[in-house]
Amino acid sequence: MSILAEKSYKFAIRIVKLNAYLTDEKKEYTLSRQLLRSGTAIGALVSEAQYAQSKADFINKLYIGLKEANESRYWIRLLRDCDYLNDSMANSIYSDVEELIKILTSSINTSKEKNNDHR
């Protein structure tokens, strides 16, 4: 399993557990559902990319994963700023999504460079 696949899977687990906390403890259902959708989509897209039909398909799947990671970052910030997450909780998961964004961006850029080298 690649570092990206492993980290995105572990992030999805954190998101599922965070969703349970938000719905059970904070009785927050709308924002947490949005985060659940975007946060778990990242790993699913990374997994899909591993079986891409082409280099362009691979890059596209990772790019969609990057968009989902950016959306997740937005929901985490909003949940923190609406006082559903304390700073410690928000900062911990926020740093995870920031790391995923960096890895995804690097993977996309590397794949694009390799794709251009083969033309």
C-alpha atoms as a PDB file:
ATOM      1  CA  MET A   1       0.000   0.000   0.000  1.00  0.00           C
ATOM      2  CA  SER A   2       1.383   3.404  -0.950  1.00  0.00           C
ATOM      3  CA  ILE A   3       1.929   6.141   1.624  1.00  0.00           C
ATOM      4  CA  LEU A   4      -0.892   8.132   0.030  1.00  0.00           C
ATOM      5  CA  ALA A   5      -3.270   5.165   0.119  1.00  0.00           C
ATOM      6  CA  GLU A   6      -2.399   4.407   3.743  1.00  0.00           C
ATOM      7  CA  LYS A   7      -2.689   8.016   4.931  1.00  0.00           C
ATOM      8  CA  SER A   8      -5.953   8.632   3.077  1.00  0.00           C
ATOM      9  CA  TYR A   9      -7.414   5.420   4.538  1.00  0.00           C
ATOM     10  CA  LYS A  10      -6.387   6.389   8.077  1.00  0.00           C
ATOM     11  CA  PHE A  11      -7.816   9.863   7.487  1.00  0.00           C
ATOM     12  CA  ALA A  12     -11.130   8.280   6.437  1.00  0.00           C
ATOM     13  CA  ILE A  13     -11.188   6.290   9.686  1.00  0.00           C
ATOM     14  CA  ARG A  14     -10.622   9.504  11.671  1.00  0.00           C
ATOM     15  CA  ILE A  15     -13.427  11.189   9.737  1.00  0.00           C
ATOM     16  CA  VAL A  16     -15.857   8.331  10.434  1.00  0.00           C
ATOM     17  CA  LYS A  17     -15.012   8.477  14.146  1.00  0.00           C
ATOM     18  CA  LEU A  18     -15.281  12.276  14.156  1.00  0.00           C
ATOM     19  CA  ASN A  19     -18.691  12.018  12.505  1.00  0.00           C
ATOM     20  CA  ALA A  20     -19.844   9.646  15.245  1.00  0.00           C
ATOM     21  CA  TYR A  21     -18.600  12.091  17.892  1.00  0.00           C
ATOM     22  CA  LEU A  22     -20.273  15.074  16.236  1.00  0.00           C
ATOM     23  CA  THR A  23     -23.613  13.336  15.838  1.00  0.00           C
ATOM     24  CA  ASP A  24     -23.623  11.574  19.232  1.00  0.00           C
ATOM     25  CA  GLU A  25     -22.053  14.228  21.456  1.00  0.00           C
ATOM     26  CA  LYS A  26     -22.727  17.517  19.690  1.00  0.00           C
ATOM     27  CA  LYS A  27     -25.984  16.580  17.922  1.00  0.00           C
ATOM     28  CA  GLU A  28     -24.599  18.131  14.743  1.00  0.00           C
ATOM     29  CA  TYR A  29     -25.772  16.351  11.598  1.00  0.00           C
ATOM     30  CA  THR A  30     -25.507  18.625   8.572  1.00  0.00           C
ATOM     31  CA  LEU A  31     -21.890  19.794   8.523  1.00  0.00           C
ATOM     32  CA  SER A  32     -20.592  16.482   9.829  1.00  0.00           C
ATOM     33  CA  ARG A  33     -22.366  14.635   7.002  1.00  0.00           C
ATOM     34  CA  GLN A  34     -20.675  16.900   4.457  1.00  0.00           C
ATOM     35  CA  LEU A  35     -17.296  16.207   6.060  1.00  0.00           C
ATOM     36  CA  LEU A  36     -18.054  12.480   6.177  1.00  0.00           C
ATOM     37  CA  ARG A  37     -18.749  12.472   2.435  1.00  0.00           C
ATOM     38  CA  SER A  38     -15.722  14.513   1.364  1.00  0.00           C
ATOM     39  CA  GLY A  39     -13.302  13.064   3.918  1.00  0.00           C
ATOM     40  CA  THR A  40     -13.982   9.450   3.029  1.00  0.00           C
ATOM     41  CA  ALA A  41     -14.038  10.158  -0.718  1.00  0.00           C
ATOM     42  CA  ILE A  42     -10.319  10.989  -0.716  1.00  0.00           C
ATOM     43  CA  GLY A  43      -9.215   7.441   0.066  1.00  0.00           C
ATOM     44  CA  ALA A  44     -11.801   5.953  -2.276  1.00  0.00           C
ATOM     45  CA  LEU A  45     -10.473   8.068  -5.139  1.00  0.00           C
ATOM     46  CA  VAL A  46      -6.864   7.170  -4.316  1.00  0.00           C
ATOM     47  CA  SER A  47      -7.909   3.518  -4.344  1.00  0.00           C
ATOM     48  CA  GLU A  48      -9.657   3.976  -7.697  1.00  0.00           C
ATOM     49  CA  ALA A  49      -6.570   5.684  -9.116  1.00  0.00           C
ATOM     50  CA  GLN A  50      -4.517   2.553  -8.461  1.00  0.00           C
ATOM     51  CA  TYR A  51      -6.581   0.812 -11.158  1.00  0.00           C
ATOM     52  CA  ALA A  52      -6.854   3.744 -13.547  1.00  0.00           C
ATOM     53  CA  GLN A  53      -7.274   2.959 -17.219  1.00  0.00           C
ATOM     54  CA  SER A  54      -4.608   5.446 -18.257  1.00  0.00           C
ATOM     55  CA  LYS A  55      -2.148   7.976 -16.869  1.00  0.00           C
ATOM     56  CA  ALA A  56      -4.709  10.725 -17.598  1.00  0.00           C
ATOM     57  CA  ASP A  57      -7.377   8.782 -15.679  1.00  0.00           C
ATOM     58  CA  PHE A  58      -4.913   8.307 -12.794  1.00  0.00           C
ATOM     59  CA  ILE A  59      -4.180  12.041 -12.656  1.00  0.00           C
ATOM     60  CA  ASN A  60      -7.890  12.872 -12.876  1.00  0.00           C
ATOM     61  CA  LYS A  61      -8.775  10.598  -9.942  1.00  0.00           C
ATOM     62  CA  LEU A  62      -6.030  12.148  -7.812  1.00  0.00           C
ATOM     63  CA  TYR A  63      -7.144  15.638  -8.797  1.00  0.00           C
ATOM     64  CA  ILE A  64     -10.718  14.882  -7.721  1.00  0.00           C
ATOM     65  CA  GLY A  65      -9.272  13.507  -4.461  1.00  0.00           C
ATOM     66  CA  LEU A  66      -7.408  16.795  -4.033  1.00  0.00           C
ATOM     67  CA  LYS A  67     -10.661  18.715  -4.493  1.00  0.00           C
ATOM     68  CA  GLU A  68     -12.330  16.523  -1.857  1.00  0.00           C
ATOM     69  CA  ALA A  69      -9.418  17.123   0.523  1.00  0.00           C
ATOM     70  CA  ASN A  70      -9.747  20.871   0.028  1.00  0.00           C
ATOM     71  CA  GLU A  71     -13.480  20.620   0.703  1.00  0.00           C
ATOM     72  CA  SER A  72     -12.773  18.598   3.855  1.00  0.00           C
ATOM     73  CA  ARG A  73     -10.391  21.306   5.011  1.00  0.00           C
ATOM     74  CA  TYR A  74     -13.240  23.822   4.608  1.00  0.00           C
ATOM     75  CA  TRP A  75     -15.699  21.739   6.687  1.00  0.00           C
ATOM     76  CA  ILE A  76     -13.116  21.220   9.445  1.00  0.00           C
ATOM     77  CA  ARG A  77     -12.503  24.966   9.664  1.00  0.00           C
ATOM     78  CA  LEU A  78     -16.241  25.657   9.707  1.00  0.00           C
ATOM     79  CA  LEU A  79     -16.885  23.070  12.418  1.00  0.00           C
ATOM     80  CA  ARG A  80     -14.109  24.610  14.516  1.00  0.00           C
ATOM     81  CA  ASP A  81     -15.295  28.170  13.977  1.00  0.00           C
ATOM     82  CA  CYS A  82     -18.868  27.189  14.888  1.00  0.00           C
ATOM     83  CA  ASP A  83     -17.545  25.652  18.131  1.00  0.00           C
ATOM     84  CA  TYR A  84     -18.379  22.040  17.280  1.00  0.00           C
ATOM     85  CA  LEU A  85     -14.659  21.181  17.461  1.00  0.00           C
ATOM     86  CA  ASN A  86     -12.225  22.569  19.982  1.00  0.00           C
ATOM     87  CA  ASP A  87      -8.908  23.915  18.700  1.00  0.00           C
ATOM     88  CA  SER A  88      -6.974  20.804  19.678  1.00  0.00           C
ATOM     89  CA  MET A  89      -9.314  18.449  17.814  1.00  0.00           C
ATOM     90  CA  ALA A  90      -9.545  20.712  14.792  1.00  0.00           C
ATOM     91  CA  ASN A  91      -5.797  21.305  14.582  1.00  0.00           C
ATOM     92  CA  SER A  92      -5.038  17.600  14.756  1.00  0.00           C
ATOM     93  CA  ILE A  93      -7.326  16.595  11.903  1.00  0.00           C
ATOM     94  CA  TYR A  94      -6.572  19.802   9.992  1.00  0.00           C
ATOM     95  CA  SER A  95      -2.876  18.925   9.930  1.00  0.00           C
ATOM     96  CA  ASP A  96      -3.780  15.491   8.536  1.00  0.00           C
ATOM     97  CA  VAL A  97      -5.785  16.969   5.674  1.00  0.00           C
ATOM     98  CA  GLU A  98      -3.029  19.504   4.975  1.00  0.00           C
ATOM     99  CA  GLU A  99      -0.558  16.615   4.682  1.00  0.00           C
ATOM    100  CA  LEU A 100      -2.894  14.792   2.293  1.00  0.00           C
ATOM    101  CA  ILE A 101      -3.218  17.928   0.166  1.00  0.00           C
ATOM    102  CA  LYS A 102       0.577  18.206  -0.068  1.00  0.00           C
ATOM    103  CA  ILE A 103       1.011  14.534  -0.981  1.00  0.00           C
ATOM    104  CA  LEU A 104      -1.801  14.640  -3.546  1.00  0.00           C
ATOM    105  CA  THR A 105      -0.415  17.821  -5.116  1.00  0.00           C
ATOM    106  CA  SER A 106       3.064  16.314  -5.297  1.00  0.00           C
ATOM    107  CA  SER A 107       1.731  13.052  -6.783  1.00  0.00           C
ATOM    108  CA  ILE A 108      -0.281  14.918  -9.415  1.00  0.00           C
ATOM    109  CA  ASN A 109       2.671  17.103 -10.375  1.00  0.00           C
ATOM    110  CA  THR A 110       5.049  14.132 -10.570  1.00  0.00           C
ATOM    111  CA  SER A 111       2.568  12.163 -12.691  1.00  0.00           C
ATOM    112  CA  LYS A 112       2.077  15.120 -15.035  1.00  0.00           C
ATOM    113  CA  GLU A 113       5.845  15.499 -15.441  1.00  0.00           C
ATOM    114  CA  LYS A 114       6.272  11.807 -16.194  1.00  0.00           C
ATOM    115  CA  ASN A 115       3.343  11.963 -18.614  1.00  0.00           C
ATOM    116  CA  ASN A 116       4.970  14.906 -20.436  1.00  0.00           C
ATOM    117  CA  ASP A 117       8.349  13.122 -20.535  1.00  0.00           C
ATOM    118  CA  HIS A 118       6.839  10.230 -22.511  1.00  0.00           C
ATOM    119  CA  ARG A 119       5.479  12.383 -25.327  1.00  0.00           C
END
